[in-house]
Protein backbone atom coordinates (compact mmCIF):
# COMPACT_ATOMS: atom_id res chain seq x y z
CA UNK A 1 11.80 -14.38 -19.57
CA UNK A 2 13.06 -11.52 -17.48
CA UNK A 3 16.59 -10.17 -18.07
CA UNK A 4 19.55 -9.85 -15.76
CA UNK A 5 21.27 -6.53 -15.71
CA UNK A 6 24.42 -4.79 -14.64
CA UNK A 7 24.97 -1.35 -13.05
CA UNK A 8 26.38 -0.13 -16.35
CA UNK A 9 23.01 -0.76 -18.10
CA UNK A 10 21.06 1.34 -15.54
CA UNK A 11 20.44 4.99 -15.76
CA UNK A 12 23.14 6.90 -13.93
CA UNK A 13 20.82 8.24 -11.27
CA UNK A 14 19.77 4.55 -10.39
CA UNK A 15 23.28 3.23 -9.58
CA UNK A 16 25.09 3.30 -6.32
CA UNK A 17 27.04 6.36 -5.32
CA UNK A 18 30.30 4.64 -6.00
CA UNK A 19 29.16 3.70 -9.55
CA UNK A 20 27.93 7.18 -10.09
CA UNK A 21 31.31 8.70 -9.30
CA UNK A 22 32.96 6.66 -12.02
CA UNK A 23 30.77 8.36 -14.59
CA UNK A 24 30.66 11.92 -13.29
CA UNK A 25 31.58 13.49 -16.72
CA UNK A 26 28.85 11.52 -18.47
CA UNK A 27 26.28 12.42 -15.81
CA UNK A 28 27.16 16.07 -16.13
CA UNK A 29 26.74 15.88 -19.86
CA UNK A 30 23.33 14.44 -19.47
CA UNK A 31 20.79 16.60 -17.50
CA UNK A 32 18.80 14.89 -14.83
CA UNK A 33 15.39 13.89 -16.13
CA UNK A 34 12.84 16.34 -14.61
CA UNK A 35 10.20 18.66 -15.79
CA UNK A 36 11.01 22.36 -16.23
CA UNK A 37 8.51 25.22 -16.16
CA UNK A 38 8.37 27.93 -18.85
CA UNK A 39 5.93 30.67 -19.72
CA UNK A 40 3.56 29.84 -22.49
CA UNK A 41 2.81 32.82 -24.67
CA UNK A 42 -0.10 32.65 -27.05
CA UNK A 43 0.79 34.10 -30.45
CA UNK A 44 0.40 37.85 -30.30
CA UNK A 45 -0.46 37.74 -26.62
CA UNK A 46 1.29 38.04 -23.24
CA UNK A 47 2.56 35.25 -21.09
CA UNK A 48 -0.50 33.69 -19.44
CA UNK A 49 0.42 30.64 -17.47
CA UNK A 50 3.10 28.17 -16.45
CA UNK A 51 3.25 24.92 -18.35
CA UNK A 52 5.07 21.79 -17.52
CA UNK A 53 7.22 20.30 -20.31
CA UNK A 54 8.65 16.82 -20.64
CA UNK A 55 12.32 16.72 -21.21
CA UNK A 56 13.13 13.24 -19.76
CA UNK A 57 14.76 10.75 -22.10
CA UNK A 58 13.74 7.15 -22.23
CA UNK A 59 16.29 4.38 -21.46
CA UNK A 60 17.20 1.65 -23.76
CA UNK A 61 19.06 -1.19 -21.99
CA UNK A 62 22.24 -2.41 -23.67
CA UNK A 63 24.22 -5.68 -23.49
CA UNK A 64 21.71 -7.45 -21.31
CA UNK A 65 21.94 -11.29 -21.25
CA UNK A 66 18.97 -13.56 -20.72
CA UNK A 67 18.39 -14.36 -17.06
CA UNK A 68 16.18 -16.54 -14.85
CA UNK A 69 12.54 -16.72 -15.93
CA UNK A 70 10.26 -14.62 -13.76
CA UNK A 71 6.90 -15.93 -12.77
CA UNK A 72 3.92 -13.86 -14.33
CA UNK A 73 2.43 -13.89 -10.83
CA UNK A 74 5.18 -11.81 -9.31
CA UNK A 75 4.09 -8.15 -8.97
CA UNK A 76 5.38 -5.05 -7.27
CA UNK A 77 2.76 -2.63 -5.94
CA UNK A 78 4.14 0.98 -5.58
CA UNK A 79 2.13 3.13 -3.09
CA UNK A 80 0.67 0.02 -1.36
CA UNK A 81 -0.41 1.92 1.80
CA UNK A 82 -2.70 4.26 -0.03
CA UNK A 83 -6.42 4.19 -0.51
CA UNK A 84 -6.21 2.37 -3.85
CA UNK A 85 -2.86 0.58 -3.24
CA UNK A 86 -4.05 -1.40 -0.32
CA UNK A 87 -7.13 -2.61 -2.32
CA UNK A 88 -4.79 -3.62 -5.18
CA UNK A 89 -2.67 -5.61 -2.68
CA UNK A 90 -5.64 -7.38 -1.24
CA UNK A 91 -7.11 -8.26 -4.61
CA UNK A 92 -3.83 -9.57 -5.91
CA UNK A 93 -3.36 -11.82 -2.86
CA UNK A 94 -6.88 -13.06 -3.12
CA UNK A 95 -6.17 -14.03 -6.75
CA UNK A 96 -2.95 -15.86 -5.87
CA UNK A 97 -0.33 -13.40 -6.90
CA UNK A 98 3.04 -13.10 -5.20
CA UNK A 99 2.84 -9.51 -3.97
CA UNK A 100 5.80 -7.34 -3.10
CA UNK A 101 5.03 -3.81 -1.75
CA UNK A 102 7.38 -0.86 -2.13
CA UNK A 103 7.00 1.24 1.00
CA UNK A 104 8.92 4.23 2.18
CA UNK A 105 10.77 3.84 5.43
CA UNK A 106 8.50 5.08 8.11
CA UNK A 107 8.18 5.18 11.92
CA UNK A 108 5.07 3.02 11.85
CA UNK A 109 5.82 -0.04 9.72
CA UNK A 110 3.19 -1.26 7.30
CA UNK A 111 2.69 -4.47 9.28
CA UNK A 112 -0.85 -4.93 8.01
CA UNK A 113 0.55 -5.69 4.51
CA UNK A 114 2.77 -8.38 5.96
CA UNK A 115 -0.19 -9.73 7.95
CA UNK A 116 -2.20 -10.07 4.66
CA UNK A 117 0.63 -12.14 3.26
CA UNK A 118 2.62 -9.60 1.12
CA UNK A 119 6.33 -8.97 1.18
CA UNK A 120 7.36 -5.45 2.12
CA UNK A 121 10.55 -3.83 0.82
CA UNK A 122 11.72 -0.28 1.85
CA UNK A 123 12.61 2.15 -0.84
CA UNK A 124 11.92 5.79 -1.71
CA UNK A 125 11.11 7.15 -5.22
CA UNK A 126 12.76 10.38 -4.24
CA UNK A 127 16.01 8.32 -3.78
CA UNK A 128 16.46 6.60 -7.13
CA UNK A 129 19.39 4.50 -5.98
CA UNK A 130 16.94 2.53 -3.73
CA UNK A 131 14.72 1.42 -6.57
CA UNK A 132 16.64 -1.33 -8.59
CA UNK A 133 16.67 -3.92 -5.78
CA UNK A 134 12.97 -3.76 -5.38
CA UNK A 135 12.42 -4.87 -9.04
CA UNK A 136 14.59 -8.05 -8.96
CA UNK A 137 12.40 -11.03 -9.88
CA UNK A 138 9.34 -8.87 -10.64
CA UNK A 139 7.15 -9.41 -13.75
CA UNK A 140 4.60 -6.59 -13.36
CA UNK A 141 4.71 -3.20 -11.69
CA UNK A 142 1.47 -1.58 -10.55
CA UNK A 143 2.13 2.12 -9.81
CA UNK A 144 -0.50 3.49 -7.35
CA UNK A 145 1.90 6.06 -5.73
CA UNK A 146 1.57 9.79 -5.33
CA UNK A 147 3.36 12.34 -3.31
CA UNK A 148 2.24 13.21 0.27
CA UNK A 149 0.40 16.57 0.71
CA UNK A 150 3.42 18.13 2.46
CA UNK A 151 5.83 17.25 -0.46
CA UNK A 152 6.42 19.15 -3.63
CA UNK A 153 4.36 17.52 -6.35
CA UNK A 154 7.29 17.12 -8.73
CA UNK A 155 9.38 15.13 -6.28
CA UNK A 156 7.52 11.84 -6.34
CA UNK A 157 4.93 12.24 -9.14
CA UNK A 158 7.43 13.23 -11.75
CA UNK A 159 11.15 12.82 -10.78
CA UNK A 160 10.47 9.69 -8.80
CA UNK A 161 8.15 8.20 -11.49
CA UNK A 162 10.69 8.86 -14.22
CA UNK A 163 13.35 7.12 -12.25
CA UNK A 164 10.95 4.11 -11.55
CA UNK A 165 10.00 3.84 -15.16
CA UNK A 166 13.60 3.99 -16.47
CA UNK A 167 14.60 1.29 -14.09
CA UNK A 168 11.69 -0.87 -14.97
CA UNK A 169 12.77 -0.58 -18.69
CA UNK A 170 16.46 -1.27 -17.94
CA UNK A 171 15.65 -4.29 -15.73
CA UNK A 172 13.21 -5.87 -18.29
CA UNK A 173 9.94 -5.52 -16.37
CA UNK A 174 7.33 -7.01 -18.64
CA UNK A 175 4.23 -5.10 -17.67
CA UNK A 176 3.65 -1.59 -16.23
CA UNK A 177 0.34 -0.48 -14.90
CA UNK A 178 -0.03 3.25 -14.21
CA UNK A 179 -2.93 5.12 -12.61
CA UNK A 180 -3.56 8.54 -13.98
CA UNK A 181 -6.32 11.10 -13.82
CA UNK A 182 -9.37 11.54 -16.17
CA UNK A 183 -9.03 14.52 -18.54
CA UNK A 184 -5.43 15.18 -17.44
CA UNK A 185 -4.55 16.09 -21.05
CA UNK A 186 -7.08 18.83 -21.03
CA UNK A 187 -5.71 20.85 -18.06
CA UNK A 188 -2.03 21.77 -18.65
CA UNK A 189 -2.48 24.73 -16.27
CA UNK A 190 -2.76 22.28 -13.37
CA UNK A 191 0.79 20.90 -12.38
CA UNK A 192 -0.51 17.55 -11.06
CA UNK A 193 -2.66 16.83 -14.19
CA UNK A 194 0.04 17.94 -16.55
CA UNK A 195 2.55 15.70 -14.77
CA UNK A 196 0.16 12.74 -15.02
CA UNK A 197 -0.23 13.40 -18.81
CA UNK A 198 3.45 13.85 -19.13
CA UNK A 199 4.06 10.45 -17.37
CA UNK A 200 1.63 8.81 -19.73
CA UNK A 201 3.51 9.96 -22.74
CA UNK A 202 6.80 9.02 -21.11
CA UNK A 203 5.58 5.50 -20.44
CA UNK A 204 4.28 5.04 -24.01
CA UNK A 205 7.64 6.20 -25.47
CA UNK A 206 9.71 3.62 -23.46
CA UNK A 207 8.54 0.52 -25.34
CA UNK A 208 7.29 -1.15 -22.11
CA UNK A 209 4.12 -3.20 -22.27
CA UNK A 210 1.83 -0.97 -20.41
CA UNK A 211 -1.83 -0.35 -19.43
CA UNK A 212 -2.65 3.23 -18.31
CA UNK A 213 -5.80 3.60 -16.35
CA UNK A 214 -7.41 7.09 -15.83
CA UNK A 215 -9.59 7.43 -12.81
CA UNK A 216 -12.37 9.93 -11.94
CA UNK A 217 -12.73 9.65 -8.18
CA UNK A 218 -12.93 7.18 -5.29
CA UNK A 219 -16.03 6.48 -3.15
CA UNK A 220 -13.84 5.96 -0.14
CA UNK A 221 -12.86 9.66 -0.08
CA UNK A 222 -16.48 10.64 0.45
CA UNK A 223 -16.66 9.00 3.92
CA UNK A 224 -14.24 11.43 5.55
CA UNK A 225 -15.29 14.36 3.42
CA UNK A 226 -19.06 14.13 3.93
CA UNK A 227 -20.38 11.09 5.82
CA UNK A 228 -18.23 11.38 9.04
CA UNK A 229 -18.81 15.21 9.46
CA UNK A 230 -22.56 14.81 9.06
CA UNK A 231 -22.70 12.08 11.71
CA UNK A 232 -20.51 14.27 14.03
CA UNK A 233 -22.54 17.29 13.24
CA UNK A 234 -19.52 19.16 11.97
CA UNK A 235 -19.20 21.50 8.98
CA UNK A 236 -19.26 19.96 5.50
CA UNK A 237 -17.21 21.91 3.06
CA UNK A 238 -18.41 22.30 -0.51
CA UNK A 239 -18.38 24.73 -3.46
CA UNK A 240 -20.94 26.42 -5.52
CA UNK A 241 -19.79 24.79 -8.74
CA UNK A 242 -21.87 22.09 -10.73
CA UNK A 243 -18.88 19.72 -10.99
CA UNK A 244 -19.95 16.11 -11.58
CA UNK A 245 -17.75 13.17 -10.65
CA UNK A 246 -18.36 9.48 -11.39
CA UNK A 247 -17.01 7.97 -8.19
CA UNK A 248 -15.93 4.29 -8.22
CA UNK A 249 -15.31 1.92 -5.42
CA UNK A 250 -11.53 1.23 -5.11
CA UNK A 251 -12.34 -2.52 -4.84
CA UNK A 252 -13.93 -2.40 -8.23
CA UNK A 253 -10.92 -0.51 -9.59
CA UNK A 254 -8.67 -3.12 -8.26
CA UNK A 255 -10.78 -5.89 -9.64
CA UNK A 256 -10.99 -4.43 -13.15
CA UNK A 257 -7.19 -3.72 -13.05
CA UNK A 258 -6.41 -7.40 -12.78
CA UNK A 259 -8.86 -8.28 -15.49
CA UNK A 260 -7.17 -5.78 -17.77
CA UNK A 261 -3.71 -7.05 -16.86
CA UNK A 262 -4.61 -10.51 -18.04
CA UNK A 263 -6.42 -9.34 -21.29
CA UNK A 264 -4.09 -8.96 -24.22
CA UNK A 265 -6.66 -6.55 -25.85
CA UNK A 266 -5.83 -4.08 -22.96
CA UNK A 267 -2.11 -4.17 -23.74
CA UNK A 268 -0.69 -0.77 -24.64
CA UNK A 269 -4.14 0.79 -24.06
CA UNK A 270 -5.26 3.85 -22.19
CA UNK A 271 -8.58 3.03 -20.31
CA UNK A 272 -10.77 5.16 -18.14
CA UNK A 273 -12.60 3.79 -15.22
CA UNK A 274 -15.68 5.61 -14.20
CA UNK A 275 -18.58 4.79 -11.83
CA UNK A 276 -22.15 4.21 -12.95
CA UNK A 277 -23.25 7.84 -12.39
CA UNK A 278 -21.71 11.31 -12.05
CA UNK A 279 -22.67 13.25 -8.96
CA UNK A 280 -22.51 16.84 -7.91
CA UNK A 281 -21.39 17.80 -4.39
CA UNK A 282 -24.78 18.81 -3.39
CA UNK A 283 -26.29 15.49 -4.60
CA UNK A 284 -23.73 13.59 -2.49
CA UNK A 285 -24.53 15.66 0.54
CA UNK A 286 -28.30 15.18 0.05
CA UNK A 287 -27.78 11.45 -0.18
CA UNK A 288 -25.76 11.37 2.95
CA UNK A 289 -28.33 13.47 4.81
CA UNK A 290 -31.08 11.01 3.83
CA UNK A 291 -29.12 7.94 4.85
CA UNK A 292 -27.88 9.52 8.08
CA UNK A 293 -31.38 10.80 9.04
CA UNK A 294 -30.04 14.27 9.83
CA UNK A 295 -29.18 17.53 8.17
CA UNK A 296 -25.72 18.65 7.20
CA UNK A 297 -24.12 21.88 8.35
CA UNK A 298 -22.84 22.96 4.88
CA UNK A 299 -20.20 25.68 4.48
CA UNK A 300 -20.03 26.70 0.84
CA UNK A 301 -16.72 28.10 -0.62
CA UNK A 302 -17.21 30.04 -3.78
CA UNK A 303 -14.96 29.00 -6.67
CA UNK A 304 -13.82 32.60 -6.95
CA UNK A 305 -12.21 32.31 -3.47
CA UNK A 306 -10.15 29.27 -4.56
CA UNK A 307 -9.07 31.16 -7.66
CA UNK A 308 -7.95 34.18 -5.61
CA UNK A 309 -6.20 32.11 -3.00
CA UNK A 310 -4.34 30.27 -5.66
CA UNK A 311 -3.15 33.48 -7.28
CA UNK A 312 -2.13 34.97 -3.93
CA UNK A 313 -0.03 31.96 -2.98
CA UNK A 314 1.83 32.19 -6.27
CA UNK A 315 3.52 35.37 -5.00
CA UNK A 316 5.50 33.45 -2.34
CA UNK A 317 8.04 30.71 -3.25
CA UNK A 318 7.25 28.74 -0.15
CA UNK A 319 3.59 28.46 -0.98
CA UNK A 320 4.00 27.29 -4.72
CA UNK A 321 3.11 23.72 -3.77
CA UNK A 322 0.00 24.91 -2.01
CA UNK A 323 -0.88 26.82 -5.22
CA UNK A 324 -0.34 23.68 -7.27
CA UNK A 325 -2.77 21.79 -5.19
CA UNK A 326 -5.38 24.60 -5.18
CA UNK A 327 -5.13 24.54 -9.02
CA UNK A 328 -6.30 20.95 -8.89
CA UNK A 329 -9.05 21.86 -6.33
CA UNK A 330 -10.13 24.59 -8.74
CA UNK A 331 -10.51 22.17 -11.62
CA UNK A 332 -12.47 19.88 -9.34
CA UNK A 333 -14.67 22.79 -8.43
CA UNK A 334 -15.40 23.92 -12.00
CA UNK A 335 -18.08 22.82 -14.34
CA UNK A 336 -16.03 19.90 -15.60
CA UNK A 337 -17.59 16.44 -15.72
CA UNK A 338 -15.28 13.77 -14.48
CA UNK A 339 -16.99 10.79 -16.14
CA UNK A 340 -16.67 8.66 -19.26
CA UNK A 341 -18.78 6.10 -21.08
CA UNK A 342 -17.88 2.63 -19.91
CA UNK A 343 -19.75 0.45 -22.35
CA UNK A 344 -16.75 -0.19 -24.57
CA UNK A 345 -14.49 -0.78 -21.53
CA UNK A 346 -16.92 -3.28 -20.15
CA UNK A 347 -17.09 -5.04 -23.50
CA UNK A 348 -13.26 -5.11 -23.82
CA UNK A 349 -12.87 -6.57 -20.29
CA UNK A 350 -15.89 -8.86 -20.33
CA UNK A 351 -17.43 -7.19 -17.39
CA UNK A 352 -21.22 -6.56 -16.66
CA UNK A 353 -22.24 -3.07 -15.70
CA UNK A 354 -24.53 -4.55 -12.91
CA UNK A 355 -21.40 -5.78 -11.09
CA UNK A 356 -20.08 -2.32 -10.51
CA UNK A 357 -21.03 -0.93 -7.06
CA UNK A 358 -23.18 2.14 -7.17
CA UNK A 359 -22.61 5.13 -4.84
CA UNK A 360 -26.06 4.72 -3.33
CA UNK A 361 -25.35 1.12 -2.34
CA UNK A 362 -21.80 1.92 -1.05
CA UNK A 363 -23.05 4.79 1.22
CA UNK A 364 -26.19 2.79 2.29
CA UNK A 365 -23.95 -0.03 3.49
CA UNK A 366 -21.71 2.43 5.27
CA UNK A 367 -24.44 4.20 7.09
CA UNK A 368 -26.33 0.97 7.88
CA UNK A 369 -23.21 -0.47 9.53
CA UNK A 370 -22.15 2.63 11.37
CA UNK A 371 -25.55 3.51 12.70
CA UNK A 372 -26.01 -0.10 13.95
CA UNK A 373 -22.60 0.15 15.71
CA UNK A 374 -23.59 3.51 17.32
CA UNK A 375 -26.86 2.08 18.39
CA UNK A 376 -25.17 -0.99 19.88
CA UNK A 377 -22.69 1.24 21.75
CA UNK A 378 -25.52 3.42 23.04
CA UNK A 379 -27.33 0.38 24.37
CA UNK A 380 -24.16 -0.89 26.08
CA UNK A 381 -23.67 2.37 27.69
CA UNK A 382 -27.17 2.30 29.13
CA UNK A 383 -26.66 -1.25 30.43
CA UNK A 384 -23.48 -0.12 32.38
CA UNK A 385 -25.04 2.94 33.93
CA UNK A 386 -24.95 2.71 37.78
CA UNK A 387 -27.54 4.58 39.87
CA UNK A 388 -27.11 5.26 43.54
């Protein structure tokens, strides 16, 4: 059963402007949930870094009467137009779910989601008052959203997520699925990873039934980063670090997500999804070269340059967000291994490891298809040549 709710039961920042004005004094007394930055000083040592700290408070709904039952198949996908979000939408529709997609108002409407059979609703996590209406009649929220590159990281990934989670709690959402980053708890010096870890803890403290899924990397991102530049004979950018990442196909991520959603053993669990093997940048480039049948023009950026650039951008207020993203790039370019054993997860979900797509197979299929299309286009071009 889902619960009906009133404006009085929602967090103050989620109500309409008129309702908010009636509780101005209370709102002033309660600070807006958001992270704040402070200097962390090791005992006996100088301040060394900026660390994000959670000070958001969870919301406990009060005086909520029982409402109309909500179908377990009704889901809201947040971030539905992204690389992972669109695969989650397609998988959900294929499995018979009633899918609603939360999409920000945009000049180019997300018509492809409607064409697939999903319902699209406009809302913006940076405008909390737009969120409640999107959750009416929803059983499960699947949160795939992240901020755009041009936005401050905290606007969507922290403040917007806190508002969404608070509203989900207040409106009686029965399941919350959140995608996080592998090893986010081990890198508090990186704002995006600290925000993800902070959000994990915030969800766990709400009392919501949740499943948190940490991800290592998407195979789809390698197409634009390596495959296409190699085919177009353009520069491929890499680093000199031995980072290893266990890339996973987003279609497999979506499939495992719905298996986990239906599995009671995955309730209130933190899972990590990782691909069959962890790859270095050079190994990925070498694989693409072999499959493309041509060498790559590789431009190597030393990790030291990333570190220096990050420190330099910290001197200017308008480049702080660039520095935040460079901090994440620096971690990805370190000697960290973004992978995790999957045997226990496979056993929990009842999945066979052989059913998970390998990177070799994924890239082989891509290059086979694209090279065939290029060959066909070349043949058509020759057929239409006119000689005088």
